[in-house]
Amino acid sequence: MSGVFKAVPAALTAFSTVNQAVGATVTAAGSADAEAMLAAAAAALGPIGASFLTAYAPAQAGNLAATLLLGQLHAGIGGATAASNAAVVAADNS
């Protein structure tokens, strides 16, 4: 397969900007106060929900950790795209 690679700097900039924004938004969502969330759940469920909370706490922690990783992934994609875009523009201008 042969073809010509054509980078579109404006599109790369837009893609990078969106991924960086998504990364920041997802990271903010995953930065929730896990201890406060667990305390709120414990208050709502009372002693009857104690057995549920023993399973809920690690699941919540895993979910928040995965959310933070997803935010970092988007931020990394945005950063890598911005760096690639700068390299392409620099090469085209030289």
C-alpha atoms as a PDB file:
ATOM      1  CA  MET A   1       0.000   0.000   0.000  1.00  0.00           C
ATOM      2  CA  SER A   2       1.382   3.365  -0.904  1.00  0.00           C
ATOM      3  CA  GLY A   3       0.086   6.799  -0.213  1.00  0.00           C
ATOM      4  CA  VAL A   4       1.049  10.285   0.612  1.00  0.00           C
ATOM      5  CA  PHE A   5       1.020  11.406   4.213  1.00  0.00           C
ATOM      6  CA  LYS A   6      -0.575  14.787   4.629  1.00  0.00           C
ATOM      7  CA  ALA A   7      -0.644  16.418   8.028  1.00  0.00           C
ATOM      8  CA  VAL A   8      -3.205  19.145   8.558  1.00  0.00           C
ATOM      9  CA  PRO A   9      -1.812  21.359  11.333  1.00  0.00           C
ATOM     10  CA  ALA A  10      -5.161  22.970  12.151  1.00  0.00           C
ATOM     11  CA  ALA A  11      -6.782  19.564  12.559  1.00  0.00           C
ATOM     12  CA  LEU A  12      -3.895  18.321  14.698  1.00  0.00           C
ATOM     13  CA  THR A  13      -4.175  21.422  16.877  1.00  0.00           C
ATOM     14  CA  ALA A  14      -7.911  20.900  17.297  1.00  0.00           C
ATOM     15  CA  PHE A  15      -7.427  17.208  18.126  1.00  0.00           C
ATOM     16  CA  SER A  16      -4.712  18.058  20.648  1.00  0.00           C
ATOM     17  CA  THR A  17      -6.782  20.802  22.280  1.00  0.00           C
ATOM     18  CA  VAL A  18      -9.823  18.567  22.656  1.00  0.00           C
ATOM     19  CA  ASN A  19      -7.805  15.702  24.143  1.00  0.00           C
ATOM     20  CA  GLN A  20      -6.079  18.002  26.617  1.00  0.00           C
ATOM     21  CA  ALA A  21      -9.433  19.463  27.667  1.00  0.00           C
ATOM     22  CA  VAL A  22     -10.971  16.004  28.040  1.00  0.00           C
ATOM     23  CA  GLY A  23      -7.951  14.914  30.059  1.00  0.00           C
ATOM     24  CA  ALA A  24      -8.381  17.845  32.442  1.00  0.00           C
ATOM     25  CA  THR A  25     -12.118  17.246  32.790  1.00  0.00           C
ATOM     26  CA  VAL A  26     -11.798  13.505  33.400  1.00  0.00           C
ATOM     27  CA  THR A  27      -8.945  14.036  35.867  1.00  0.00           C
ATOM     28  CA  ALA A  28     -11.028  16.569  37.775  1.00  0.00           C
ATOM     29  CA  ALA A  29     -13.896  14.081  37.950  1.00  0.00           C
ATOM     30  CA  GLY A  30     -11.563  11.340  39.164  1.00  0.00           C
ATOM     31  CA  SER A  31     -10.040  13.571  41.809  1.00  0.00           C
ATOM     32  CA  ALA A  32     -13.104  13.208  43.988  1.00  0.00           C
ATOM     33  CA  ASP A  33     -12.596  12.865  47.715  1.00  0.00           C
ATOM     34  CA  ALA A  34     -12.938   9.093  48.012  1.00  0.00           C
ATOM     35  CA  GLU A  35     -12.988   9.175  51.807  1.00  0.00           C
ATOM     36  CA  ALA A  36     -15.808  11.733  51.880  1.00  0.00           C
ATOM     37  CA  MET A  37     -17.757   9.740  49.302  1.00  0.00           C
ATOM     38  CA  LEU A  38     -17.379   6.574  51.372  1.00  0.00           C
ATOM     39  CA  ALA A  39     -18.417   8.417  54.542  1.00  0.00           C
ATOM     40  CA  ALA A  40     -21.526   9.730  52.772  1.00  0.00           C
ATOM     41  CA  ALA A  41     -22.403   6.223  51.612  1.00  0.00           C
ATOM     42  CA  ALA A  42     -21.872   4.854  55.134  1.00  0.00           C
ATOM     43  CA  ALA A  43     -24.134   7.540  56.599  1.00  0.00           C
ATOM     44  CA  ALA A  44     -26.816   6.817  54.026  1.00  0.00           C
ATOM     45  CA  LEU A  45     -26.682   3.025  54.422  1.00  0.00           C
ATOM     46  CA  GLY A  46     -26.147   2.839  58.166  1.00  0.00           C
ATOM     47  CA  PRO A  47     -25.086  -0.321  59.972  1.00  0.00           C
ATOM     48  CA  ILE A  48     -27.204  -2.502  57.697  1.00  0.00           C
ATOM     49  CA  GLY A  49     -25.025  -1.504  54.736  1.00  0.00           C
ATOM     50  CA  ALA A  50     -21.696  -2.370  56.396  1.00  0.00           C
ATOM     51  CA  SER A  51     -21.256  -5.565  54.390  1.00  0.00           C
ATOM     52  CA  PHE A  52     -21.979  -3.680  51.180  1.00  0.00           C
ATOM     53  CA  LEU A  53     -19.419  -1.016  52.057  1.00  0.00           C
ATOM     54  CA  THR A  54     -16.645  -3.574  52.468  1.00  0.00           C
ATOM     55  CA  ALA A  55     -17.047  -4.409  48.783  1.00  0.00           C
ATOM     56  CA  TYR A  56     -17.908  -0.877  47.701  1.00  0.00           C
ATOM     57  CA  ALA A  57     -14.795   0.842  49.068  1.00  0.00           C
ATOM     58  CA  PRO A  58     -12.210  -1.075  46.978  1.00  0.00           C
ATOM     59  CA  ALA A  59     -14.439  -0.895  43.912  1.00  0.00           C
ATOM     60  CA  GLN A  60     -14.783   2.859  44.305  1.00  0.00           C
ATOM     61  CA  ALA A  61     -11.044   3.267  44.785  1.00  0.00           C
ATOM     62  CA  GLY A  62     -10.368   1.192  41.664  1.00  0.00           C
ATOM     63  CA  ASN A  63     -12.869   3.215  39.669  1.00  0.00           C
ATOM     64  CA  LEU A  64     -11.346   6.528  40.734  1.00  0.00           C
ATOM     65  CA  ALA A  65      -7.814   5.251  39.983  1.00  0.00           C
ATOM     66  CA  ALA A  66      -8.897   4.105  36.522  1.00  0.00           C
ATOM     67  CA  THR A  67     -10.577   7.454  35.919  1.00  0.00           C
ATOM     68  CA  LEU A  68      -7.343   9.267  36.763  1.00  0.00           C
ATOM     69  CA  LEU A  69      -5.430   6.998  34.381  1.00  0.00           C
ATOM     70  CA  LEU A  70      -7.909   7.748  31.605  1.00  0.00           C
ATOM     71  CA  GLY A  71      -7.470  11.469  32.214  1.00  0.00           C
ATOM     72  CA  GLN A  72      -3.698  11.055  32.008  1.00  0.00           C
ATOM     73  CA  LEU A  73      -4.079   9.074  28.786  1.00  0.00           C
ATOM     74  CA  HIS A  74      -6.078  11.840  27.122  1.00  0.00           C
ATOM     75  CA  ALA A  75      -3.639  14.486  28.340  1.00  0.00           C
ATOM     76  CA  GLY A  76      -0.749  12.401  26.987  1.00  0.00           C
ATOM     77  CA  ILE A  77      -2.417  11.959  23.607  1.00  0.00           C
ATOM     78  CA  GLY A  78      -3.022  15.710  23.471  1.00  0.00           C
ATOM     79  CA  GLY A  79       0.577  16.480  24.385  1.00  0.00           C
ATOM     80  CA  ALA A  80       2.030  13.973  21.952  1.00  0.00           C
ATOM     81  CA  THR A  81      -0.168  15.297  19.157  1.00  0.00           C
ATOM     82  CA  ALA A  82       0.912  18.867  19.904  1.00  0.00           C
ATOM     83  CA  ALA A  83       4.575  17.826  19.809  1.00  0.00           C
ATOM     84  CA  SER A  84       4.096  15.937  16.533  1.00  0.00           C
ATOM     85  CA  ASN A  85       2.260  18.893  15.059  1.00  0.00           C
ATOM     86  CA  ALA A  86       5.098  21.250  16.030  1.00  0.00           C
ATOM     87  CA  ALA A  87       7.630  18.907  14.426  1.00  0.00           C
ATOM     88  CA  VAL A  88       5.612  18.663  11.211  1.00  0.00           C
ATOM     89  CA  VAL A  89       5.184  22.448  11.003  1.00  0.00           C
ATOM     90  CA  ALA A  90       8.890  22.992  11.711  1.00  0.00           C
ATOM     91  CA  ALA A  91       9.858  20.497   9.000  1.00  0.00           C
ATOM     92  CA  ASP A  92       7.498  22.094   6.496  1.00  0.00           C
ATOM     93  CA  ASN A  93       8.866  25.565   7.258  1.00  0.00           C
ATOM     94  CA  SER A  94      12.512  24.581   6.862  1.00  0.00           C
END
